[in-house]
């Protein structure tokens, strides 16, 4: 293989171009982080709402079971009516 056919190394980026690229990447990372933080907050809010809904449903179920016991109905029948 002679010297003319060998792959030549890519030219090195100038220092200024490299700094601009790094600066641009950091800006993009910051923007992506802000989006992720926003999504995290929305997911936390959604999970909180779901927790509240489940707690309300559990309390309602317990109330129905207790009311069924007071009325003399078996617990299984009370749970099936819901």
C-alpha atoms as a PDB file:
ATOM      1  CA  UNK A   1       0.000   0.000   0.000  1.00  0.00           C
ATOM      2  CA  UNK A   2       1.537   3.298  -0.957  1.00  0.00           C
ATOM      3  CA  UNK A   3       1.246   6.587   0.903  1.00  0.00           C
ATOM      4  CA  UNK A   4      -1.384   8.034  -1.490  1.00  0.00           C
ATOM      5  CA  UNK A   5      -4.038   5.377  -0.779  1.00  0.00           C
ATOM      6  CA  UNK A   6      -3.824   5.366   3.003  1.00  0.00           C
ATOM      7  CA  UNK A   7      -6.692   6.978   4.920  1.00  0.00           C
ATOM      8  CA  UNK A   8      -5.713  10.361   6.187  1.00  0.00           C
ATOM      9  CA  UNK A   9      -6.703  11.403   9.710  1.00  0.00           C
ATOM     10  CA  UNK A  10      -9.553  13.881   9.951  1.00  0.00           C
ATOM     11  CA  UNK A  11      -8.403  17.425  10.504  1.00  0.00           C
ATOM     12  CA  UNK A  12      -8.590  18.566  14.088  1.00  0.00           C
ATOM     13  CA  UNK A  13     -11.295  21.064  14.898  1.00  0.00           C
ATOM     14  CA  UNK A  14     -10.147  24.499  15.642  1.00  0.00           C
ATOM     15  CA  UNK A  15     -10.327  25.295  19.346  1.00  0.00           C
ATOM     16  CA  UNK A  16     -12.958  28.015  18.807  1.00  0.00           C
ATOM     17  CA  UNK A  17     -15.224  25.650  16.851  1.00  0.00           C
ATOM     18  CA  UNK A  18     -14.813  23.021  19.543  1.00  0.00           C
ATOM     19  CA  UNK A  19     -15.782  25.485  22.278  1.00  0.00           C
ATOM     20  CA  UNK A  20     -18.852  26.553  20.297  1.00  0.00           C
ATOM     21  CA  UNK A  21     -19.862  22.920  19.809  1.00  0.00           C
ATOM     22  CA  UNK A  22     -19.485  22.215  23.525  1.00  0.00           C
ATOM     23  CA  UNK A  23     -21.432  25.376  24.349  1.00  0.00           C
ATOM     24  CA  UNK A  24     -24.227  24.351  21.969  1.00  0.00           C
ATOM     25  CA  UNK A  25     -24.333  20.839  23.442  1.00  0.00           C
ATOM     26  CA  UNK A  26     -24.577  22.256  26.965  1.00  0.00           C
ATOM     27  CA  UNK A  27     -27.489  24.482  25.911  1.00  0.00           C
ATOM     28  CA  UNK A  28     -29.264  21.491  24.365  1.00  0.00           C
ATOM     29  CA  UNK A  29     -28.661  19.410  27.493  1.00  0.00           C
ATOM     30  CA  UNK A  30     -30.056  22.217  29.669  1.00  0.00           C
ATOM     31  CA  UNK A  31     -33.136  22.462  27.445  1.00  0.00           C
ATOM     32  CA  UNK A  32     -33.664  18.700  27.572  1.00  0.00           C
ATOM     33  CA  UNK A  33     -33.249  18.765  31.351  1.00  0.00           C
ATOM     34  CA  UNK A  34     -35.896  21.488  31.638  1.00  0.00           C
ATOM     35  CA  UNK A  35     -38.311  19.379  29.573  1.00  0.00           C
ATOM     36  CA  UNK A  36     -37.567  16.334  31.738  1.00  0.00           C
ATOM     37  CA  UNK A  37     -38.167  18.356  34.909  1.00  0.00           C
ATOM     38  CA  UNK A  38     -41.521  19.518  33.540  1.00  0.00           C
ATOM     39  CA  UNK A  39     -42.536  15.973  32.689  1.00  0.00           C
ATOM     40  CA  UNK A  40     -41.417  14.790  36.122  1.00  0.00           C
ATOM     41  CA  UNK A  41     -43.617  17.402  37.791  1.00  0.00           C
ATOM     42  CA  UNK A  42     -46.614  16.426  35.646  1.00  0.00           C
ATOM     43  CA  UNK A  43     -46.102  12.732  36.401  1.00  0.00           C
ATOM     44  CA  UNK A  44     -45.833  13.460  40.128  1.00  0.00           C
ATOM     45  CA  UNK A  45     -49.105  15.385  39.941  1.00  0.00           C
ATOM     46  CA  UNK A  46     -50.785  12.562  38.023  1.00  0.00           C
ATOM     47  CA  UNK A  47     -49.587   9.939  40.498  1.00  0.00           C
ATOM     48  CA  UNK A  48     -50.794  12.091  43.379  1.00  0.00           C
ATOM     49  CA  UNK A  49     -54.235  12.338  41.783  1.00  0.00           C
ATOM     50  CA  UNK A  50     -54.337   8.581  41.246  1.00  0.00           C
ATOM     51  CA  UNK A  51     -53.370   7.990  44.881  1.00  0.00           C
ATOM     52  CA  UNK A  52     -56.228  10.243  46.009  1.00  0.00           C
ATOM     53  CA  UNK A  53     -58.695   8.441  43.730  1.00  0.00           C
ATOM     54  CA  UNK A  54     -57.612   5.039  45.018  1.00  0.00           C
ATOM     55  CA  UNK A  55     -57.876   6.186  48.619  1.00  0.00           C
ATOM     56  CA  UNK A  56     -61.400   7.501  47.959  1.00  0.00           C
ATOM     57  CA  UNK A  57     -62.426   4.241  46.289  1.00  0.00           C
ATOM     58  CA  UNK A  58     -60.945   2.154  49.099  1.00  0.00           C
ATOM     59  CA  UNK A  59     -62.780   4.214  51.706  1.00  0.00           C
ATOM     60  CA  UNK A  60     -66.044   3.902  49.762  1.00  0.00           C
ATOM     61  CA  UNK A  61     -65.566   0.140  49.506  1.00  0.00           C
ATOM     62  CA  UNK A  62     -64.881  -0.144  53.239  1.00  0.00           C
ATOM     63  CA  UNK A  63     -68.013   1.897  53.955  1.00  0.00           C
ATOM     64  CA  UNK A  64     -70.120  -0.382  51.719  1.00  0.00           C
ATOM     65  CA  UNK A  65     -68.712  -3.476  53.391  1.00  0.00           C
ATOM     66  CA  UNK A  66     -69.402  -2.049  56.858  1.00  0.00           C
ATOM     67  CA  UNK A  67     -72.937  -1.019  55.850  1.00  0.00           C
ATOM     68  CA  UNK A  68     -73.544  -4.494  54.443  1.00  0.00           C
ATOM     69  CA  UNK A  69     -72.459  -6.078  57.709  1.00  0.00           C
ATOM     70  CA  UNK A  70     -74.808  -3.838  59.648  1.00  0.00           C
ATOM     71  CA  UNK A  71     -77.695  -4.841  57.383  1.00  0.00           C
ATOM     72  CA  UNK A  72     -76.878  -8.522  57.810  1.00  0.00           C
ATOM     73  CA  UNK A  73     -75.751  -9.121  54.235  1.00  0.00           C
ATOM     74  CA  UNK A  74     -72.747 -11.307  53.632  1.00  0.00           C
ATOM     75  CA  UNK A  75     -69.631  -9.298  52.725  1.00  0.00           C
ATOM     76  CA  UNK A  76     -69.261 -11.065  49.359  1.00  0.00           C
ATOM     77  CA  UNK A  77     -72.764  -9.950  48.263  1.00  0.00           C
ATOM     78  CA  UNK A  78     -72.082  -6.373  49.345  1.00  0.00           C
ATOM     79  CA  UNK A  79     -68.859  -6.268  47.346  1.00  0.00           C
ATOM     80  CA  UNK A  80     -70.590  -7.702  44.243  1.00  0.00           C
ATOM     81  CA  UNK A  81     -73.292  -5.018  44.278  1.00  0.00           C
ATOM     82  CA  UNK A  82     -70.703  -2.262  43.759  1.00  0.00           C
END
